[in-house]
Amino acid sequence: MKIRCLVKRSGDLYVAMSLEFGLAAQANTLAEAKTKLKAQIAEYIEDINEEKDDFQKQYLLNRKGPWRWFLPYYVACLLNKVHLNASKIVEVISFQDIDGTIKHA
């Protein structure tokens, strides 16, 4: 499972967002924002794996972030595809299986 994320600057803070799960983390540095979001995602997936109700598992796995997070993500992806530097807008990051801990319901 690919987990699409983006990080953007908001004033003095960096805000990292997971499009797949609607999770967000903020920090003073880019690296710290990414680390916090990755930890949140890992904990969220752990909670999903512990969930007994299959309906609830599916709900949690299919929960998405707000649509307004998707627009800057796809704009940055498009700009990067045409070789324009989108890193001034957002940084697009992806996590693959967060250390292999995702188990599909």
Protein backbone atom coordinates (compact mmCIF):
# COMPACT_ATOMS: atom_id res chain seq x y z
CA MET A 1 0.00 0.00 0.00
CA LYS A 2 1.37 3.38 -0.98
CA ILE A 3 0.60 6.17 1.50
CA ARG A 4 0.63 9.57 -0.20
CA CYS A 5 1.70 12.49 1.96
CA LEU A 6 2.61 16.10 1.52
CA VAL A 7 4.41 18.65 3.62
CA LYS A 8 3.85 22.36 3.31
CA ARG A 9 5.03 25.37 5.20
CA SER A 10 2.47 27.28 7.23
CA GLY A 11 4.05 30.37 8.76
CA ASP A 12 6.93 29.19 10.93
CA LEU A 13 5.75 25.58 11.00
CA TYR A 14 5.85 22.64 8.63
CA VAL A 15 2.60 20.71 8.31
CA ALA A 16 2.79 17.10 7.11
CA MET A 17 -0.44 15.44 5.94
CA SER A 18 -1.40 11.91 4.99
CA LEU A 19 -3.90 11.88 2.12
CA GLU A 20 -4.79 8.24 2.75
CA PHE A 21 -5.77 8.54 6.40
CA GLY A 22 -6.45 12.23 7.06
CA LEU A 23 -3.68 12.45 9.64
CA ALA A 24 -1.57 15.57 10.13
CA ALA A 25 1.48 16.57 12.16
CA GLN A 26 3.25 19.87 12.56
CA ALA A 27 6.75 20.77 13.67
CA ASN A 28 9.41 23.45 13.49
CA THR A 29 11.50 21.54 10.92
CA LEU A 30 10.72 19.56 7.80
CA ALA A 31 12.47 16.45 9.10
CA GLU A 32 10.62 16.58 12.41
CA ALA A 33 7.24 16.98 10.66
CA LYS A 34 7.96 13.92 8.50
CA THR A 35 9.09 11.88 11.50
CA LYS A 36 5.99 12.80 13.51
CA LEU A 37 3.67 11.94 10.62
CA LYS A 38 5.41 8.63 9.99
CA ALA A 39 5.00 7.74 13.68
CA GLN A 40 1.32 8.72 13.58
CA ILE A 41 0.74 6.58 10.50
CA ALA A 42 2.49 3.59 12.07
CA GLU A 43 0.37 3.92 15.23
CA TYR A 44 -2.82 4.33 13.16
CA ILE A 45 -2.02 1.17 11.18
CA GLU A 46 -1.26 -0.69 14.40
CA ASP A 47 -4.68 0.35 15.74
CA ILE A 48 -6.31 -0.87 12.52
CA ASN A 49 -4.55 -4.22 12.81
CA GLU A 50 -5.83 -4.60 16.39
CA GLU A 51 -9.42 -3.78 15.40
CA LYS A 52 -11.68 -6.84 15.63
CA ASP A 53 -14.62 -5.54 13.58
CA ASP A 54 -13.97 -6.04 9.84
CA PHE A 55 -16.42 -3.27 8.91
CA GLN A 56 -14.56 -0.81 11.15
CA LYS A 57 -11.21 -1.96 9.70
CA GLN A 58 -12.43 -1.25 6.18
CA TYR A 59 -13.73 2.15 7.25
CA LEU A 60 -10.40 3.10 8.83
CA LEU A 61 -8.38 1.84 5.85
CA ASN A 62 -10.55 3.78 3.39
CA ARG A 63 -10.71 7.03 5.34
CA LYS A 64 -9.24 9.87 3.27
CA GLY A 65 -7.97 13.33 4.10
CA PRO A 66 -9.97 16.41 3.07
CA TRP A 67 -10.13 17.21 -0.66
CA ARG A 68 -8.24 20.46 -0.10
CA TRP A 69 -5.12 18.39 0.72
CA PHE A 70 -5.32 16.53 -2.59
CA LEU A 71 -5.14 19.61 -4.82
CA PRO A 72 -1.65 20.82 -3.75
CA TYR A 73 -0.45 17.21 -3.82
CA TYR A 74 -1.49 16.68 -7.42
CA VAL A 75 -0.33 20.13 -8.51
CA ALA A 76 3.12 19.38 -7.05
CA CYS A 77 3.16 15.96 -8.75
CA LEU A 78 2.25 17.56 -12.08
CA LEU A 79 4.90 20.27 -11.73
CA ASN A 80 7.51 17.65 -10.88
CA LYS A 81 6.53 15.61 -13.94
CA VAL A 82 7.16 18.57 -16.23
CA HIS A 83 10.45 19.18 -14.41
CA LEU A 84 9.45 22.32 -12.59
CA ASN A 85 10.53 22.57 -8.98
CA ALA A 86 7.40 22.18 -6.86
CA SER A 87 9.30 21.93 -3.59
CA LYS A 88 8.63 25.59 -2.92
CA ILE A 89 4.90 24.78 -2.84
CA VAL A 90 4.83 21.42 -1.09
CA GLU A 91 7.07 18.44 -0.66
CA VAL A 92 5.49 15.23 -1.86
CA ILE A 93 6.46 12.17 0.13
CA SER A 94 5.29 8.58 0.08
CA PHE A 95 5.68 5.83 2.59
CA GLN A 96 5.62 2.23 1.48
CA ASP A 97 4.10 -0.07 4.09
CA ILE A 98 5.64 1.86 7.03
CA ASP A 99 8.28 -0.77 7.76
CA GLY A 100 6.06 -3.57 6.44
CA THR A 101 3.47 -3.26 9.18
CA ILE A 102 0.36 -2.84 7.01
CA LYS A 103 -1.86 -5.89 6.96
CA HIS A 104 -4.83 -5.69 4.67
CA ALA A 105 -8.18 -6.38 6.29
